[in-house]
Protein backbone atom coordinates (compact mmCIF):
# COMPACT_ATOMS: atom_id res chain seq x y z
CA ALA A 1 69.72 70.93 119.41
CA PRO A 2 67.50 67.70 119.45
CA LEU A 3 69.37 64.75 120.47
CA GLY A 4 71.11 63.37 117.28
CA ILE A 5 70.41 66.23 115.08
CA GLU A 6 73.71 68.65 114.48
CA PRO A 7 73.08 72.29 114.15
CA LEU A 8 73.83 73.61 111.07
CA ALA A 9 77.28 75.93 110.93
CA PRO A 10 76.14 79.43 110.12
CA ALA A 11 77.47 80.78 106.84
CA PRO A 12 80.21 83.12 106.71
CA THR A 13 79.38 86.76 106.36
CA PHE A 14 82.48 88.12 105.65
CA ALA A 15 85.49 86.94 103.58
CA PHE A 16 88.81 88.61 102.41
CA GLU A 17 89.28 89.53 99.07
CA TYR A 18 92.43 88.33 97.04
CA ARG A 19 94.45 91.05 95.68
CA ARG A 20 94.49 91.58 91.88
CA GLU A 21 94.50 95.08 91.12
CA ARG A 22 97.56 97.33 90.25
CA LEU A 23 98.59 100.11 92.59
CA ASP A 24 97.50 103.42 90.71
CA TRP A 25 100.46 105.35 91.74
CA ARG A 26 99.37 108.29 89.55
CA LEU A 27 96.37 108.74 91.92
CA LEU A 28 98.42 108.05 95.28
CA HIS A 29 101.13 110.63 94.21
CA ALA A 30 98.30 113.03 93.58
CA VAL A 31 97.26 112.89 97.06
CA ASP A 32 98.90 115.39 99.65
CA VAL A 33 98.75 113.30 102.99
CA ASP A 34 99.44 116.06 105.01
CA GLN A 35 96.75 118.35 103.15
CA VAL A 36 94.46 115.20 103.97
CA MET A 37 95.07 115.54 107.56
CA ARG A 38 94.95 119.52 107.85
CA GLU A 39 91.61 119.78 106.19
CA THR A 40 90.31 116.38 107.27
CA ASN A 41 89.67 116.08 103.53
CA ILE A 42 87.86 112.56 103.77
CA ASP A 43 86.97 113.14 99.80
CA MET A 44 90.62 112.78 99.00
CA LEU A 45 91.19 110.02 101.18
CA GLU A 46 88.28 107.99 99.73
CA ARG A 47 89.67 108.26 96.06
CA ALA A 48 92.85 105.97 97.62
CA VAL A 49 90.82 103.47 99.37
CA ASN A 50 90.51 100.91 96.73
CA THR A 51 93.85 101.25 95.39
CA ILE A 52 95.20 100.63 98.75
CA ALA A 53 92.60 97.98 99.80
CA PHE A 54 92.51 96.14 96.68
CA GLY A 55 95.83 96.58 95.28
CA ASP A 56 98.54 93.66 94.99
CA ILE A 57 101.45 94.90 96.06
CA GLU A 58 103.42 91.90 95.99
CA ALA A 59 102.86 92.11 92.09
CA GLU A 60 104.42 95.68 92.02
CA ASP A 61 107.58 96.71 90.23
CA THR A 62 110.28 97.07 93.12
CA CYS A 63 111.32 100.10 91.35
CA ASN A 64 107.87 102.23 92.93
CA PHE A 65 109.05 101.27 96.37
CA SER A 66 110.84 104.06 97.39
CA GLU A 67 110.65 104.89 101.27
CA ARG A 68 108.72 108.00 99.85
CA ASN A 69 106.28 105.89 98.34
CA PHE A 70 106.16 103.33 101.07
CA LEU A 71 105.86 105.96 103.91
CA LYS A 72 102.79 107.60 102.18
CA LEU A 73 101.07 103.92 101.49
CA PHE A 74 101.60 103.79 105.33
CA ARG A 75 100.20 107.26 106.55
CA LEU A 76 97.31 106.73 104.29
CA SER A 77 96.53 103.45 105.47
CA GLN A 78 96.58 104.76 109.13
CA LEU A 79 94.07 107.47 108.19
CA MET A 80 92.17 104.95 106.48
CA VAL A 81 91.80 102.95 109.64
CA GLU A 82 91.23 105.44 111.74
């Protein structure tokens, strides 16, 4: 940069979204994680992406936090990252 002129900071190209949506438990219960893995069923996995990515887990009713539900959320998240 020329003397005395500060370069402009680059504009951010990415920002995390606020989690505003409720988790769609009906949709999540309909996903068979073992079947997704066995059949490499990306379509089924893609149906659950938005509810997991943008669901506000802190706003959920704790009655939905069974060990089985949490395990399913975690396994689906792993597959989505993969």
